Amino acid sequence: MPRAALGLSAAAVIVVGLSAAPALAEPPAPPSTSTARAELTALTVATPHSMDGYARDKFSIWAKQPDGCTTRQEVLARDGKDVQDKPGSCQPASGSWYSAYDDATVTDVAQATIDHMVPLAEAWRSGADTWTADQRKAFGNDLKDPQLLIASESSNSSKSDSGPADWKPTNHAFWCTYAKDYTHIKSVWKLTTTDGEKKALASMLDTCTN
């Protein structure tokens, strides 16, 4: 069922010509600095796996959620400001979205991309290659953990499939949260790391003030 049909009156839709996306839960909060440090220490350092067989569609993005909207549409509604959906649809027509990677605000929904904190390719080479199809689908559409976030097209393109050993947000103020979230995802999903990645994450956690 489209979000527009959930708790919205017909009058409200007629007045604005668009349906207001309902207020959804806030994005998952990052762990505390102490928890992130403990999770980082516990990550297993291993040689990256081969990329043989990798394909983004093996992670089934963007799957339908229980309300009938796609995972991408859910994140756009959850993380956007003043989001208005197309009538009878889950698809946002307008709003604004903050890209923490580069401290930029996007007002064109077509340019508000959804990024995987731990890239799908990075997950593949750190353990997801051995997962079942259902596990990969759950990872690719993970709304419970801080894995999906808004990113401007330029920052998403810049990051691509890189981990923190090779790429860091240009917005230094986000380094602490980025390191906490990235470490937490690897911990929750029992993915491996490398010495270079571990050092980069430790360095960024050093920027945390609490």
Protein backbone atom coordinates (compact mmCIF):
# COMPACT_ATOMS: atom_id res chain seq x y z
CA MET A 1 0.00 0.00 0.00
CA PRO A 2 1.50 3.38 -0.94
CA ARG A 3 2.42 5.70 1.90
CA ALA A 4 -0.11 8.18 0.55
CA ALA A 5 -2.86 5.84 1.69
CA LEU A 6 -1.51 5.53 5.19
CA GLY A 7 -3.25 7.98 7.53
CA LEU A 8 -3.73 10.79 4.99
CA SER A 9 -7.09 12.36 4.25
CA ALA A 10 -8.25 12.93 0.69
CA ALA A 11 -8.65 16.61 1.51
CA ALA A 12 -5.01 16.92 2.42
CA VAL A 13 -3.99 15.42 -0.89
CA ILE A 14 -6.32 17.68 -2.86
CA VAL A 15 -5.10 20.84 -1.14
CA VAL A 16 -1.44 20.37 -1.92
CA GLY A 17 -1.75 18.26 -5.05
CA LEU A 18 0.88 15.99 -3.58
CA SER A 19 0.77 13.60 -0.67
CA ALA A 20 2.95 14.33 2.33
CA ALA A 21 5.17 11.41 3.17
CA PRO A 22 4.44 10.29 6.73
CA ALA A 23 6.98 10.83 9.47
CA LEU A 24 9.03 7.66 9.68
CA ALA A 25 11.56 6.57 12.28
CA GLU A 26 14.80 8.48 12.54
CA PRO A 27 17.88 6.95 10.91
CA PRO A 28 19.53 4.36 13.18
CA ALA A 29 21.82 6.09 15.66
CA PRO A 30 25.53 5.29 15.62
CA PRO A 31 26.98 3.34 18.55
CA SER A 32 28.91 5.12 21.28
CA THR A 33 32.59 5.77 20.70
CA SER A 34 33.56 3.15 23.29
CA THR A 35 31.31 0.57 21.63
CA ALA A 36 32.71 1.40 18.20
CA ARG A 37 36.29 1.04 19.48
CA ALA A 38 35.43 -2.33 21.02
CA GLU A 39 33.75 -3.47 17.81
CA LEU A 40 36.75 -2.34 15.75
CA THR A 41 39.16 -4.24 18.00
CA ALA A 42 37.06 -7.38 17.58
CA LEU A 43 36.94 -7.27 13.77
CA THR A 44 38.86 -10.06 12.09
CA VAL A 45 41.69 -8.95 9.81
CA ALA A 46 41.80 -11.06 6.67
CA THR A 47 42.89 -10.99 3.05
CA PRO A 48 40.07 -9.64 0.85
CA HIS A 49 38.17 -12.32 -1.04
CA SER A 50 38.07 -12.53 -4.81
CA MET A 51 35.49 -10.42 -6.64
CA ASP A 52 34.65 -13.38 -8.88
CA GLY A 53 30.90 -13.72 -9.22
CA TYR A 54 30.11 -10.30 -7.77
CA ALA A 55 27.10 -8.36 -9.07
CA ARG A 56 25.04 -5.65 -7.39
CA ASP A 57 21.81 -7.42 -8.30
CA LYS A 58 22.82 -10.29 -6.03
CA PHE A 59 21.88 -7.97 -3.15
CA SER A 60 18.34 -7.40 -4.50
CA ILE A 61 18.29 -3.61 -4.14
CA TRP A 62 15.84 -1.92 -3.85
CA ALA A 63 13.39 -4.49 -2.50
CA LYS A 64 9.76 -3.82 -1.56
CA GLN A 65 9.12 -3.18 2.13
CA PRO A 66 5.96 -4.34 3.97
CA ASP A 67 4.11 -1.11 3.10
CA GLY A 68 4.71 -1.67 -0.62
CA CYS A 69 7.34 1.05 -0.97
CA THR A 70 10.89 0.27 -2.03
CA THR A 71 13.81 0.53 0.35
CA ARG A 72 15.08 3.55 -1.57
CA GLN A 73 11.74 5.32 -1.21
CA GLU A 74 11.67 4.51 2.50
CA VAL A 75 15.08 6.13 3.03
CA LEU A 76 14.12 9.20 1.00
CA ALA A 77 11.01 9.62 3.17
CA ARG A 78 12.84 8.87 6.41
CA ASP A 79 15.82 11.14 5.87
CA GLY A 80 14.28 13.96 3.83
CA LYS A 81 12.80 17.26 4.93
CA ASP A 82 9.37 18.48 3.78
CA VAL A 83 9.04 15.44 1.53
CA GLN A 84 5.95 15.35 -0.69
CA ASP A 85 5.07 12.15 -2.53
CA LYS A 86 3.41 11.94 -5.89
CA PRO A 87 -0.34 11.30 -5.37
CA GLY A 88 -1.06 7.66 -4.63
CA SER A 89 2.62 6.84 -4.84
CA CYS A 90 5.62 6.17 -2.64
CA GLN A 91 7.86 8.20 -4.93
CA PRO A 92 8.89 11.62 -3.58
CA ALA A 93 8.17 14.52 -5.91
CA SER A 94 9.83 17.22 -3.83
CA GLY A 95 11.76 17.82 -0.64
CA SER A 96 15.33 18.34 0.46
CA TRP A 97 17.96 15.82 1.51
CA TYR A 98 21.18 16.38 3.43
CA SER A 99 24.32 14.62 2.26
CA ALA A 100 26.61 14.31 5.30
CA TYR A 101 29.55 13.06 3.22
CA ASP A 102 30.09 16.48 1.68
CA ASP A 103 27.91 18.76 3.84
CA ALA A 104 25.59 19.46 0.91
CA THR A 105 21.82 19.75 0.60
CA VAL A 106 20.09 18.24 -2.43
CA THR A 107 16.70 19.54 -3.54
CA ASP A 108 16.29 17.43 -6.68
CA VAL A 109 15.16 13.93 -5.72
CA ALA A 110 16.85 12.51 -8.81
CA GLN A 111 20.18 13.68 -7.38
CA ALA A 112 19.56 12.30 -3.89
CA THR A 113 21.21 8.92 -4.12
CA ILE A 114 21.09 6.24 -1.43
CA ASP A 115 24.51 4.98 -0.42
CA HIS A 116 25.46 1.78 1.37
CA MET A 117 27.76 2.76 4.25
CA VAL A 118 29.71 -0.45 3.67
CA PRO A 119 29.68 -0.76 -0.14
CA LEU A 120 28.21 -3.92 -1.61
CA ALA A 121 31.49 -4.78 -3.33
CA GLU A 122 33.38 -4.27 -0.08
CA ALA A 123 30.91 -6.55 1.70
CA TRP A 124 31.44 -9.15 -1.02
CA ARG A 125 35.20 -9.19 -0.63
CA SER A 126 34.94 -9.28 3.16
CA GLY A 127 32.55 -12.19 3.50
CA ALA A 128 29.25 -11.63 1.67
CA ASP A 129 30.44 -13.86 -1.17
CA THR A 130 29.66 -16.83 1.10
CA TRP A 131 26.19 -15.63 2.14
CA THR A 132 22.85 -16.95 1.00
CA ALA A 133 20.67 -14.90 -1.36
CA ASP A 134 18.41 -13.98 1.57
CA GLN A 135 21.35 -12.73 3.64
CA ARG A 136 22.58 -10.54 0.79
CA LYS A 137 19.08 -9.16 0.24
CA ALA A 138 18.81 -8.30 3.94
CA PHE A 139 22.17 -6.52 3.81
CA GLY A 140 21.36 -4.60 0.66
CA ASN A 141 18.09 -3.34 2.16
CA ASP A 142 19.12 -2.98 5.81
CA LEU A 143 16.95 -0.30 7.46
CA LYS A 144 17.59 -1.51 11.01
CA ASP A 145 21.29 -0.64 11.11
CA PRO A 146 23.06 2.58 9.99
CA GLN A 147 23.84 1.13 6.57
CA LEU A 148 21.75 3.30 4.22
CA LEU A 149 22.11 7.06 3.98
CA ILE A 150 21.53 9.97 1.63
CA ALA A 151 24.49 11.00 -0.50
CA SER A 152 24.86 13.58 -3.22
CA GLU A 153 25.62 12.17 -6.65
CA SER A 154 29.14 13.58 -6.57
CA SER A 155 30.03 12.14 -3.16
CA ASN A 156 28.49 8.76 -3.99
CA SER A 157 30.42 8.66 -7.24
CA SER A 158 33.63 9.68 -5.47
CA LYS A 159 33.22 6.97 -2.84
CA SER A 160 32.12 4.28 -5.31
CA ASP A 161 33.10 0.86 -3.88
CA SER A 162 35.89 2.18 -1.67
CA GLY A 163 36.26 1.63 2.04
CA PRO A 164 37.83 4.10 4.50
CA ALA A 165 41.39 2.98 3.68
CA ASP A 166 40.97 4.55 0.24
CA TRP A 167 38.20 7.13 0.69
CA LYS A 168 37.02 9.48 3.43
CA PRO A 169 34.18 12.03 3.46
CA THR A 170 35.27 15.53 2.47
CA ASN A 171 33.17 16.71 5.42
CA HIS A 172 35.62 16.10 8.26
CA ALA A 173 32.87 16.78 10.81
CA PHE A 174 31.27 13.50 9.70
CA TRP A 175 34.38 11.38 10.15
CA CYS A 176 33.43 10.29 13.68
CA THR A 177 29.93 9.14 12.71
CA TYR A 178 31.20 7.57 9.49
CA ALA A 179 33.78 5.50 11.37
CA LYS A 180 31.26 4.46 14.04
CA ASP A 181 28.62 3.42 11.51
CA TYR A 182 31.05 1.67 9.17
CA THR A 183 32.62 -0.28 12.04
CA HIS A 184 29.20 -1.18 13.44
CA ILE A 185 27.97 -2.55 10.11
CA LYS A 186 31.06 -4.70 9.72
CA SER A 187 30.61 -5.93 13.28
CA VAL A 188 26.88 -6.68 13.01
CA TRP A 189 27.29 -8.51 9.73
CA LYS A 190 30.51 -10.27 10.80
CA LEU A 191 32.50 -8.94 7.88
CA THR A 192 36.29 -8.93 7.89
CA THR A 193 38.60 -5.95 7.63
CA THR A 194 42.17 -5.20 6.55
CA ASP A 195 45.04 -3.61 8.45
CA GLY A 196 44.74 -0.48 6.30
CA GLU A 197 41.01 -0.17 6.87
CA LYS A 198 41.36 -0.79 10.59
CA LYS A 199 43.99 1.95 10.92
CA ALA A 200 41.86 4.39 8.93
CA LEU A 201 38.80 3.70 11.09
CA ALA A 202 40.84 4.06 14.31
CA SER A 203 42.19 7.39 13.09
CA MET A 204 38.70 8.70 12.34
CA LEU A 205 37.38 7.47 15.69
CA ASP A 206 40.08 9.66 17.25
CA THR A 207 38.14 12.68 15.99
CA CYS A 208 35.15 11.77 18.20
CA THR A 209 34.59 14.09 21.13
CA ASN A 210 32.18 11.84 23.03
